[in-house]
Amino acid sequence: MSDDERVTKPFKFVTGKIPGSGRLLTVSTAGVDARFPNTNQTKHCWQNYVDYHKCVLAKGEDFAPCRQFWLAYRSLCPSGWYTRWDEQREAGSFPARLE
């Protein structure tokens, strides 16, 4: 193996059309929230999950602004977390009040 093969190449992230599919790839994540200025986004994840479910209970799933919370928590939270929180909500043992 030559030295050229061992060198780590810079990562280049490209958005645009996916080759061969004709579809446009758009990558997005949650926007900046001044309440969470630090790099650890765990609380930001949790708060968006709770806010989404409070919004849905208050306004219904068809209320468009609730989708912002959904997009944020789905972007910030590991899937194992919100899957477990969904199970806790269904079992009535979720630690936050959603009313």
PDB file of N, CA and C in Angstrom:
ATOM      1  N   MET A   1       0.858  -1.183   0.000  1.00  0.00           N
ATOM      2  CA  MET A   1       0.000   0.000   0.000  1.00  0.00           C
ATOM      3  C   MET A   1       0.896   1.234   0.000  1.00  0.00           C
ATOM      4  N   SER A   2       0.668   2.124  -0.925  1.00  0.00           N
ATOM      5  CA  SER A   2       1.487   3.338  -1.015  1.00  0.00           C
ATOM      6  C   SER A   2       1.013   4.385  -0.014  1.00  0.00           C
ATOM      7  N   ASP A   3       1.877   5.392   0.225  1.00  0.00           N
ATOM      8  CA  ASP A   3       1.509   6.476   1.134  1.00  0.00           C
ATOM      9  C   ASP A   3       0.282   7.218   0.641  1.00  0.00           C
ATOM     10  N   ASP A   4       0.119   7.294  -0.666  1.00  0.00           N
ATOM     11  CA  ASP A   4      -1.038   7.983  -1.245  1.00  0.00           C
ATOM     12  C   ASP A   4      -2.352   7.313  -0.844  1.00  0.00           C
ATOM     13  N   GLU A   5      -2.338   5.989  -0.740  1.00  0.00           N
ATOM     14  CA  GLU A   5      -3.544   5.250  -0.386  1.00  0.00           C
ATOM     15  C   GLU A   5      -3.866   5.372   1.096  1.00  0.00           C
ATOM     16  N   ARG A   6      -2.861   5.672   1.916  1.00  0.00           N
ATOM     17  CA  ARG A   6      -3.056   5.758   3.359  1.00  0.00           C
ATOM     18  C   ARG A   6      -3.516   7.138   3.816  1.00  0.00           C
ATOM     19  N   VAL A   7      -3.369   8.113   2.992  1.00  0.00           N
ATOM     20  CA  VAL A   7      -3.731   9.479   3.354  1.00  0.00           C
ATOM     21  C   VAL A   7      -5.251   9.604   3.377  1.00  0.00           C
ATOM     22  N   THR A   8      -5.759  10.204   4.439  1.00  0.00           N
ATOM     23  CA  THR A   8      -7.193  10.441   4.531  1.00  0.00           C
ATOM     24  C   THR A   8      -7.562  11.588   3.613  1.00  0.00           C
ATOM     25  N   LYS A   9      -8.479  11.334   2.753  1.00  0.00           N
ATOM     26  CA  LYS A   9      -8.922  12.355   1.807  1.00  0.00           C
ATOM     27  C   LYS A   9     -10.003  13.206   2.467  1.00  0.00           C
ATOM     28  N   PRO A  10     -10.103  14.484   2.113  1.00  0.00           N
ATOM     29  CA  PRO A  10     -11.166  15.322   2.677  1.00  0.00           C
ATOM     30  C   PRO A  10     -12.531  14.827   2.211  1.00  0.00           C
ATOM     31  N   PHE A  11     -13.501  14.933   3.098  1.00  0.00           N
ATOM     32  CA  PHE A  11     -14.860  14.508   2.791  1.00  0.00           C
ATOM     33  C   PHE A  11     -15.570  15.627   2.046  1.00  0.00           C
ATOM     34  N   LYS A  12     -16.203  15.281   0.990  1.00  0.00           N
ATOM     35  CA  LYS A  12     -16.952  16.266   0.214  1.00  0.00           C
ATOM     36  C   LYS A  12     -18.407  15.835   0.180  1.00  0.00           C
ATOM     37  N   PHE A  13     -19.284  16.662   0.749  1.00  0.00           N
ATOM     38  CA  PHE A  13     -20.711  16.364   0.767  1.00  0.00           C
ATOM     39  C   PHE A  13     -21.375  17.155  -0.346  1.00  0.00           C
ATOM     40  N   VAL A  14     -22.007  16.454  -1.232  1.00  0.00           N
ATOM     41  CA  VAL A  14     -22.613  17.093  -2.392  1.00  0.00           C
ATOM     42  C   VAL A  14     -24.110  16.847  -2.367  1.00  0.00           C
ATOM     43  N   THR A  15     -24.867  17.902  -2.546  1.00  0.00           N
ATOM     44  CA  THR A  15     -26.307  17.735  -2.714  1.00  0.00           C
ATOM     45  C   THR A  15     -26.630  18.031  -4.164  1.00  0.00           C
ATOM     46  N   GLY A  16     -27.668  17.502  -4.617  1.00  0.00           N
ATOM     47  CA  GLY A  16     -28.066  17.678  -6.011  1.00  0.00           C
ATOM     48  C   GLY A  16     -28.793  16.441  -6.472  1.00  0.00           C
ATOM     49  N   LYS A  17     -28.786  16.193  -7.735  1.00  0.00           N
ATOM     50  CA  LYS A  17     -29.483  15.027  -8.258  1.00  0.00           C
ATOM     51  C   LYS A  17     -28.723  13.753  -7.923  1.00  0.00           C
ATOM     52  N   ILE A  18     -29.470  12.745  -7.502  1.00  0.00           N
ATOM     53  CA  ILE A  18     -28.899  11.441  -7.223  1.00  0.00           C
ATOM     54  C   ILE A  18     -28.649  10.770  -8.568  1.00  0.00           C
ATOM     55  N   PRO A  19     -27.413  10.336  -8.824  1.00  0.00           N
ATOM     56  CA  PRO A  19     -27.110   9.746 -10.132  1.00  0.00           C
ATOM     57  C   PRO A  19     -28.039   8.577 -10.461  1.00  0.00           C
ATOM     58  N   GLY A  20     -28.590   8.621 -11.644  1.00  0.00           N
ATOM     59  CA  GLY A  20     -29.430   7.534 -12.130  1.00  0.00           C
ATOM     60  C   GLY A  20     -30.873   7.571 -11.674  1.00  0.00           C
ATOM     61  N   SER A  21     -31.202   8.402 -10.694  1.00  0.00           N
ATOM     62  CA  SER A  21     -32.575   8.392 -10.191  1.00  0.00           C
ATOM     63  C   SER A  21     -33.388   9.574 -10.699  1.00  0.00           C
ATOM     64  N   GLY A  22     -32.723  10.667 -11.033  1.00  0.00           N
ATOM     65  CA  GLY A  22     -33.440  11.856 -11.467  1.00  0.00           C
ATOM     66  C   GLY A  22     -34.088  12.616 -10.323  1.00  0.00           C
ATOM     67  N   ARG A  23     -33.897  12.143  -9.084  1.00  0.00           N
ATOM     68  CA  ARG A  23     -34.484  12.816  -7.923  1.00  0.00           C
ATOM     69  C   ARG A  23     -33.502  13.824  -7.345  1.00  0.00           C
ATOM     70  N   LEU A  24     -34.023  14.875  -6.760  1.00  0.00           N
ATOM     71  CA  LEU A  24     -33.199  15.893  -6.122  1.00  0.00           C
ATOM     72  C   LEU A  24     -33.051  15.551  -4.647  1.00  0.00           C
ATOM     73  N   LEU A  25     -31.828  15.547  -4.146  1.00  0.00           N
ATOM     74  CA  LEU A  25     -31.544  15.250  -2.752  1.00  0.00           C
ATOM     75  C   LEU A  25     -31.421  16.558  -1.989  1.00  0.00           C
ATOM     76  N   THR A  26     -32.220  16.717  -0.954  1.00  0.00           N
ATOM     77  CA  THR A  26     -32.143  17.894  -0.105  1.00  0.00           C
ATOM     78  C   THR A  26     -31.865  17.433   1.315  1.00  0.00           C
ATOM     79  N   VAL A  27     -30.831  17.976   1.926  1.00  0.00           N
ATOM     80  CA  VAL A  27     -30.459  17.615   3.281  1.00  0.00           C
ATOM     81  C   VAL A  27     -30.727  18.815   4.174  1.00  0.00           C
ATOM     82  N   SER A  28     -31.431  18.581   5.277  1.00  0.00           N
ATOM     83  CA  SER A  28     -31.698  19.681   6.200  1.00  0.00           C
ATOM     84  C   SER A  28     -31.684  19.149   7.623  1.00  0.00           C
ATOM     85  N   THR A  29     -31.562  20.056   8.563  1.00  0.00           N
ATOM     86  CA  THR A  29     -31.577  19.699   9.972  1.00  0.00           C
ATOM     87  C   THR A  29     -32.301  20.806  10.726  1.00  0.00           C
ATOM     88  N   ALA A  30     -32.449  20.629  12.017  1.00  0.00           N
ATOM     89  CA  ALA A  30     -33.148  21.620  12.825  1.00  0.00           C
ATOM     90  C   ALA A  30     -32.399  22.949  12.795  1.00  0.00           C
ATOM     91  N   GLY A  31     -33.144  24.037  12.833  1.00  0.00           N
ATOM     92  CA  GLY A  31     -32.537  25.360  12.835  1.00  0.00           C
ATOM     93  C   GLY A  31     -31.943  25.710  14.185  1.00  0.00           C
ATOM     94  N   VAL A  32     -31.338  26.855  14.257  1.00  0.00           N
ATOM     95  CA  VAL A  32     -30.718  27.334  15.489  1.00  0.00           C
ATOM     96  C   VAL A  32     -31.806  27.705  16.485  1.00  0.00           C
ATOM     97  N   ASP A  33     -31.615  27.311  17.739  1.00  0.00           N
ATOM     98  CA  ASP A  33     -32.539  27.656  18.812  1.00  0.00           C
ATOM     99  C   ASP A  33     -31.715  28.321  19.908  1.00  0.00           C
ATOM    100  N   ALA A  34     -31.965  29.594  20.167  1.00  0.00           N
ATOM    101  CA  ALA A  34     -31.169  30.369  21.122  1.00  0.00           C
ATOM    102  C   ALA A  34     -31.226  29.802  22.540  1.00  0.00           C
ATOM    103  N   ARG A  35     -32.240  28.976  22.835  1.00  0.00           N
ATOM    104  CA  ARG A  35     -32.320  28.379  24.170  1.00  0.00           C
ATOM    105  C   ARG A  35     -31.254  27.307  24.375  1.00  0.00           C
ATOM    106  N   PHE A  36     -30.650  26.818  23.282  1.00  0.00           N
ATOM    107  CA  PHE A  36     -29.683  25.727  23.357  1.00  0.00           C
ATOM    108  C   PHE A  36     -28.400  26.104  22.618  1.00  0.00           C
ATOM    109  N   PRO A  37     -27.599  27.020  23.200  1.00  0.00           N
ATOM    110  CA  PRO A  37     -26.425  27.525  22.489  1.00  0.00           C
ATOM    111  C   PRO A  37     -25.234  26.566  22.477  1.00  0.00           C
ATOM    112  N   ASN A  38     -25.228  25.572  23.334  1.00  0.00           N
ATOM    113  CA  ASN A  38     -24.082  24.670  23.425  1.00  0.00           C
ATOM    114  C   ASN A  38     -24.141  23.587  22.360  1.00  0.00           C
ATOM    115  N   THR A  39     -23.077  22.846  22.227  1.00  0.00           N
ATOM    116  CA  THR A  39     -23.025  21.821  21.190  1.00  0.00           C
ATOM    117  C   THR A  39     -23.825  20.578  21.544  1.00  0.00           C
ATOM    118  N   ASN A  40     -24.020  20.279  22.818  1.00  0.00           N
ATOM    119  CA  ASN A  40     -24.807  19.115  23.202  1.00  0.00           C
ATOM    120  C   ASN A  40     -26.282  19.421  22.961  1.00  0.00           C
ATOM    121  N   GLN A  41     -26.898  18.706  22.054  1.00  0.00           N
ATOM    122  CA  GLN A  41     -28.266  19.002  21.640  1.00  0.00           C
ATOM    123  C   GLN A  41     -29.305  18.073  22.272  1.00  0.00           C
ATOM    124  N   THR A  42     -28.930  17.356  23.334  1.00  0.00           N
ATOM    125  CA  THR A  42     -29.850  16.412  23.964  1.00  0.00           C
ATOM    126  C   THR A  42     -31.115  17.108  24.458  1.00  0.00           C
ATOM    127  N   LYS A  43     -30.973  18.211  25.157  1.00  0.00           N
ATOM    128  CA  LYS A  43     -32.143  18.935  25.669  1.00  0.00           C
ATOM    129  C   LYS A  43     -32.973  19.496  24.512  1.00  0.00           C
ATOM    130  N   HIS A  44     -32.317  19.959  23.473  1.00  0.00           N
ATOM    131  CA  HIS A  44     -33.012  20.471  22.288  1.00  0.00           C
ATOM    132  C   HIS A  44     -33.857  19.356  21.670  1.00  0.00           C
ATOM    133  N   CYS A  45     -33.287  18.171  21.567  1.00  0.00           N
ATOM    134  CA  CYS A  45     -33.993  16.998  21.050  1.00  0.00           C
ATOM    135  C   CYS A  45     -35.231  16.717  21.901  1.00  0.00           C
ATOM    136  N   TRP A  46     -35.036  16.612  23.206  1.00  0.00           N
ATOM    137  CA  TRP A  46     -36.120  16.303  24.147  1.00  0.00           C
ATOM    138  C   TRP A  46     -37.232  17.347  24.065  1.00  0.00           C
ATOM    139  N   GLN A  47     -36.856  18.615  24.074  1.00  0.00           N
ATOM    140  CA  GLN A  47     -37.846  19.687  24.076  1.00  0.00           C
ATOM    141  C   GLN A  47     -38.675  19.685  22.801  1.00  0.00           C
ATOM    142  N   ASN A  48     -38.070  19.429  21.664  1.00  0.00           N
ATOM    143  CA  ASN A  48     -38.820  19.375  20.412  1.00  0.00           C
ATOM    144  C   ASN A  48     -39.760  18.178  20.374  1.00  0.00           C
ATOM    145  N   TYR A  49     -39.349  17.054  20.949  1.00  0.00           N
ATOM    146  CA  TYR A  49     -40.228  15.888  21.035  1.00  0.00           C
ATOM    147  C   TYR A  49     -41.459  16.221  21.884  1.00  0.00           C
ATOM    148  N   VAL A  50     -41.219  16.789  23.050  1.00  0.00           N
ATOM    149  CA  VAL A  50     -42.318  17.163  23.948  1.00  0.00           C
ATOM    150  C   VAL A  50     -43.201  18.229  23.298  1.00  0.00           C
ATOM    151  N   ASP A  51     -42.597  19.257  22.706  1.00  0.00           N
ATOM    152  CA  ASP A  51     -43.367  20.324  22.059  1.00  0.00           C
ATOM    153  C   ASP A  51     -44.225  19.786  20.919  1.00  0.00           C
ATOM    154  N   TYR A  52     -43.701  18.836  20.159  1.00  0.00           N
ATOM    155  CA  TYR A  52     -44.484  18.246  19.064  1.00  0.00           C
ATOM    156  C   TYR A  52     -45.738  17.570  19.610  1.00  0.00           C
ATOM    157  N   HIS A  53     -45.584  16.763  20.635  1.00  0.00           N
ATOM    158  CA  HIS A  53     -46.738  16.029  21.160  1.00  0.00           C
ATOM    159  C   HIS A  53     -47.716  16.952  21.883  1.00  0.00           C
ATOM    160  N   LYS A  54     -47.222  18.001  22.516  1.00  0.00           N
ATOM    161  CA  LYS A  54     -48.125  19.001  23.102  1.00  0.00           C
ATOM    162  C   LYS A  54     -48.903  19.710  22.003  1.00  0.00           C
ATOM    163  N   CYS A  55     -48.231  20.059  20.923  1.00  0.00           N
ATOM    164  CA  CYS A  55     -48.857  20.747  19.791  1.00  0.00           C
ATOM    165  C   CYS A  55     -49.942  19.876  19.167  1.00  0.00           C
ATOM    166  N   VAL A  56     -49.638  18.601  18.959  1.00  0.00           N
ATOM    167  CA  VAL A  56     -50.606  17.683  18.349  1.00  0.00           C
ATOM    168  C   VAL A  56     -51.820  17.504  19.253  1.00  0.00           C
ATOM    169  N   LEU A  57     -51.596  17.390  20.554  1.00  0.00           N
ATOM    170  CA  LEU A  57     -52.724  17.246  21.477  1.00  0.00           C
ATOM    171  C   LEU A  57     -53.590  18.503  21.509  1.00  0.00           C
ATOM    172  N   ALA A  58     -52.960  19.668  21.410  1.00  0.00           N
ATOM    173  CA  ALA A  58     -53.697  20.931  21.475  1.00  0.00           C
ATOM    174  C   ALA A  58     -54.361  21.299  20.153  1.00  0.00           C
ATOM    175  N   LYS A  59     -53.682  21.072  19.035  1.00  0.00           N
ATOM    176  CA  LYS A  59     -54.156  21.573  17.737  1.00  0.00           C
ATOM    177  C   LYS A  59     -54.519  20.481  16.736  1.00  0.00           C
ATOM    178  N   GLY A  60     -54.072  19.257  16.963  1.00  0.00           N
ATOM    179  CA  GLY A  60     -54.327  18.174  16.019  1.00  0.00           C
ATOM    180  C   GLY A  60     -53.159  17.971  15.070  1.00  0.00           C
ATOM    181  N   GLU A  61     -53.100  16.784  14.475  1.00  0.00           N
ATOM    182  CA  GLU A  61     -51.970  16.447  13.603  1.00  0.00           C
ATOM    183  C   GLU A  61     -51.946  17.252  12.319  1.00  0.00           C
ATOM    184  N   ASP A  62     -53.076  17.801  11.911  1.00  0.00           N
ATOM    185  CA  ASP A  62     -53.131  18.551  10.659  1.00  0.00           C
ATOM    186  C   ASP A  62     -52.662  19.996  10.806  1.00  0.00           C
ATOM    187  N   PHE A  63     -52.347  20.426  12.021  1.00  0.00           N
ATOM    188  CA  PHE A  63     -51.889  21.790  12.260  1.00  0.00           C
ATOM    189  C   PHE A  63     -50.441  21.903  11.781  1.00  0.00           C
ATOM    190  N   ALA A  64     -50.222  22.651  10.700  1.00  0.00           N
ATOM    191  CA  ALA A  64     -48.919  22.694  10.013  1.00  0.00           C
ATOM    192  C   ALA A  64     -47.732  23.084  10.905  1.00  0.00           C
ATOM    193  N   PRO A  65     -47.854  24.065  11.812  1.00  0.00           N
ATOM    194  CA  PRO A  65     -46.685  24.418  12.633  1.00  0.00           C
ATOM    195  C   PRO A  65     -46.162  23.279  13.518  1.00  0.00           C
ATOM    196  N   CYS A  66     -46.995  22.286  13.810  1.00  0.00           N
ATOM    197  CA  CYS A  66     -46.507  21.140  14.597  1.00  0.00           C
ATOM    198  C   CYS A  66     -45.414  20.385  13.850  1.00  0.00           C
ATOM    199  N   ARG A  67     -45.473  20.421  12.542  1.00  0.00           N
ATOM    200  CA  ARG A  67     -44.492  19.685  11.734  1.00  0.00           C
ATOM    201  C   ARG A  67     -43.063  20.194  11.973  1.00  0.00           C
ATOM    202  N   GLN A  68     -42.915  21.464  12.306  1.00  0.00           N
ATOM    203  CA  GLN A  68     -41.579  22.009  12.591  1.00  0.00           C
ATOM    204  C   GLN A  68     -40.941  21.271  13.768  1.00  0.00           C
ATOM    205  N   PHE A  69     -41.720  21.017  14.819  1.00  0.00           N
ATOM    206  CA  PHE A  69     -41.206  20.281  15.973  1.00  0.00           C
ATOM    207  C   PHE A  69     -40.863  18.844  15.588  1.00  0.00           C
ATOM    208  N   TRP A  70     -41.721  18.235  14.749  1.00  0.00           N
ATOM    209  CA  TRP A  70     -41.490  16.862  14.306  1.00  0.00           C
ATOM    210  C   TRP A  70     -40.180  16.762  13.524  1.00  0.00           C
ATOM    211  N   LEU A  71     -40.004  17.682  12.580  1.00  0.00           N
ATOM    212  CA  LEU A  71     -38.779  17.676  11.775  1.00  0.00           C
ATOM    213  C   LEU A  71     -37.544  17.873  12.652  1.00  0.00           C
ATOM    214  N   ALA A  72     -37.655  18.756  13.644  1.00  0.00           N
ATOM    215  CA  ALA A  72     -36.510  19.035  14.517  1.00  0.00           C
ATOM    216  C   ALA A  72     -36.153  17.821  15.365  1.00  0.00           C
ATOM    217  N   TYR A  73     -37.144  17.196  16.013  1.00  0.00           N
ATOM    218  CA  TYR A  73     -36.776  16.072  16.873  1.00  0.00           C
ATOM    219  C   TYR A  73     -36.339  14.866  16.061  1.00  0.00           C
ATOM    220  N   ARG A  74     -36.909  14.664  14.883  1.00  0.00           N
ATOM    221  CA  ARG A  74     -36.476  13.544  14.040  1.00  0.00           C
ATOM    222  C   ARG A  74     -35.050  13.763  13.526  1.00  0.00           C
ATOM    223  N   SER A  75     -34.660  15.011  13.397  1.00  0.00           N
ATOM    224  CA  SER A  75     -33.311  15.335  12.940  1.00  0.00           C
ATOM    225  C   SER A  75     -32.293  15.244  14.080  1.00  0.00           C
ATOM    226  N   LEU A  76     -32.686  15.684  15.275  1.00  0.00           N
ATOM    227  CA  LEU A  76     -31.752  15.786  16.393  1.00  0.00           C
ATOM    228  C   LEU A  76     -31.636  14.520  17.232  1.00  0.00           C
ATOM    229  N   CYS A  77     -32.708  13.759  17.359  1.00  0.00           N
ATOM    230  CA  CYS A  77     -32.740  12.626  18.284  1.00  0.00           C
ATOM    231  C   CYS A  77     -32.362  11.315  17.608  1.00  0.00           C
ATOM    232  N   PRO A  78     -31.593  10.479  18.290  1.00  0.00           N
ATOM    233  CA  PRO A  78     -31.391   9.123  17.780  1.00  0.00           C
ATOM    234  C   PRO A  78     -32.736   8.383  17.764  1.00  0.00           C
ATOM    235  N   SER A  79     -32.963   7.568  16.764  1.00  0.00           N
ATOM    236  CA  SER A  79     -34.261   6.901  16.615  1.00  0.00           C
ATOM    237  C   SER A  79     -34.599   6.022  17.816  1.00  0.00           C
ATOM    238  N   GLY A  80     -33.605   5.452  18.457  1.00  0.00           N
ATOM    239  CA  GLY A  80     -33.856   4.630  19.636  1.00  0.00           C
ATOM    240  C   GLY A  80     -34.481   5.414  20.773  1.00  0.00           C
ATOM    241  N   TRP A  81     -34.124   6.682  20.881  1.00  0.00           N
ATOM    242  CA  TRP A  81     -34.688   7.518  21.939  1.00  0.00           C
ATOM    243  C   TRP A  81     -36.163   7.750  21.719  1.00  0.00           C
ATOM    244  N   TYR A  82     -36.545   8.282  20.533  1.00  0.00           N
ATOM    245  CA  TYR A  82     -37.959   8.610  20.359  1.00  0.00           C
ATOM    246  C   TYR A  82     -38.823   7.365  20.225  1.00  0.00           C
ATOM    247  N   THR A  83     -38.249   6.245  19.817  1.00  0.00           N
ATOM    248  CA  THR A  83     -39.004   4.990  19.812  1.00  0.00           C
ATOM    249  C   THR A  83     -39.329   4.592  21.248  1.00  0.00           C
ATOM    250  N   ARG A  84     -38.342   4.707  22.127  1.00  0.00           N
ATOM    251  CA  ARG A  84     -38.568   4.383  23.536  1.00  0.00           C
ATOM    252  C   ARG A  84     -39.558   5.364  24.163  1.00  0.00           C
ATOM    253  N   TRP A  85     -39.455   6.654  23.827  1.00  0.00           N
ATOM    254  CA  TRP A  85     -40.393   7.636  24.369  1.00  0.00           C
ATOM    255  C   TRP A  85     -41.810   7.361  23.882  1.00  0.00           C
ATOM    256  N   ASP A  86     -41.959   6.938  22.618  1.00  0.00           N
ATOM    257  CA  ASP A  86     -43.286   6.575  22.101  1.00  0.00           C
ATOM    258  C   ASP A  86     -43.866   5.414  22.907  1.00  0.00           C
ATOM    259  N   GLU A  87     -43.037   4.418  23.200  1.00  0.00           N
ATOM    260  CA  GLU A  87     -43.490   3.275  24.003  1.00  0.00           C
ATOM    261  C   GLU A  87     -43.883   3.721  25.405  1.00  0.00           C
ATOM    262  N   GLN A  88     -43.111   4.630  25.989  1.00  0.00           N
ATOM    263  CA  GLN A  88     -43.429   5.138  27.323  1.00  0.00           C
ATOM    264  C   GLN A  88     -44.739   5.923  27.312  1.00  0.00           C
ATOM    265  N   ARG A  89     -44.969   6.727  26.271  1.00  0.00           N
ATOM    266  CA  ARG A  89     -46.229   7.474  26.183  1.00  0.00           C
ATOM    267  C   ARG A  89     -47.411   6.524  26.107  1.00  0.00           C
ATOM    268  N   GLU A  90     -47.278   5.475  25.284  1.00  0.00           N
ATOM    269  CA  GLU A  90     -48.357   4.495  25.135  1.00  0.00           C
ATOM    270  C   GLU A  90     -48.611   3.736  26.432  1.00  0.00           C
ATOM    271  N   ALA A  91     -47.557   3.488  27.214  1.00  0.00           N
ATOM    272  CA  ALA A  91     -47.687   2.768  28.477  1.00  0.00           C
ATOM    273  C   ALA A  91     -48.094   3.686  29.629  1.00  0.00           C
ATOM    274  N   GLY A  92     -48.127   4.998  29.383  1.00  0.00           N
ATOM    275  CA  GLY A  92     -48.490   5.947  30.427  1.00  0.00           C
ATOM    276  C   GLY A  92     -47.365   6.239  31.407  1.00  0.00           C
ATOM    277  N   SER A  93     -46.134   5.928  31.039  1.00  0.00           N
ATOM    278  CA  SER A  93     -45.006   6.152  31.948  1.00  0.00           C
ATOM    279  C   SER A  93     -44.032   7.210  31.428  1.00  0.00           C
ATOM    280  N   PHE A  94     -44.473   8.016  30.474  1.00  0.00           N
ATOM    281  CA  PHE A  94     -43.604   9.062  29.933  1.00  0.00           C
ATOM    282  C   PHE A  94     -43.391  10.128  31.003  1.00  0.00           C
ATOM    283  N   PRO A  95     -42.139  10.566  31.239  1.00  0.00           N
ATOM    284  CA  PRO A  95     -41.847  11.450  32.370  1.00  0.00           C
ATOM    285  C   PRO A  95     -42.265  12.918  32.223  1.00  0.00           C
ATOM    286  N   ALA A  96     -42.798  13.325  31.097  1.00  0.00           N
ATOM    287  CA  ALA A  96     -43.214  14.726  30.933  1.00  0.00           C
ATOM    288  C   ALA A  96     -44.732  14.810  30.820  1.00  0.00           C
ATOM    289  N   ARG A  97     -45.270  15.934  31.264  1.00  0.00           N
ATOM    290  CA  ARG A  97     -46.709  16.183  31.113  1.00  0.00           C
ATOM    291  C   ARG A  97     -46.950  16.776  29.738  1.00  0.00           C
ATOM    292  N   LEU A  98     -47.810  16.158  28.975  1.00  0.00           N
ATOM    293  CA  LEU A  98     -48.075  16.620  27.617  1.00  0.00           C
ATOM    294  C   LEU A  98     -49.400  17.369  27.495  1.00  0.00           C
ATOM    295  N   GLU A  99     -50.154  17.466  28.558  1.00  0.00           N
ATOM    296  CA  GLU A  99     -51.441  18.173  28.504  1.00  0.00           C
ATOM    297  C   GLU A  99     -51.237  19.659  28.458  1.00  0.00           C
TER     298      GLU A  99
END
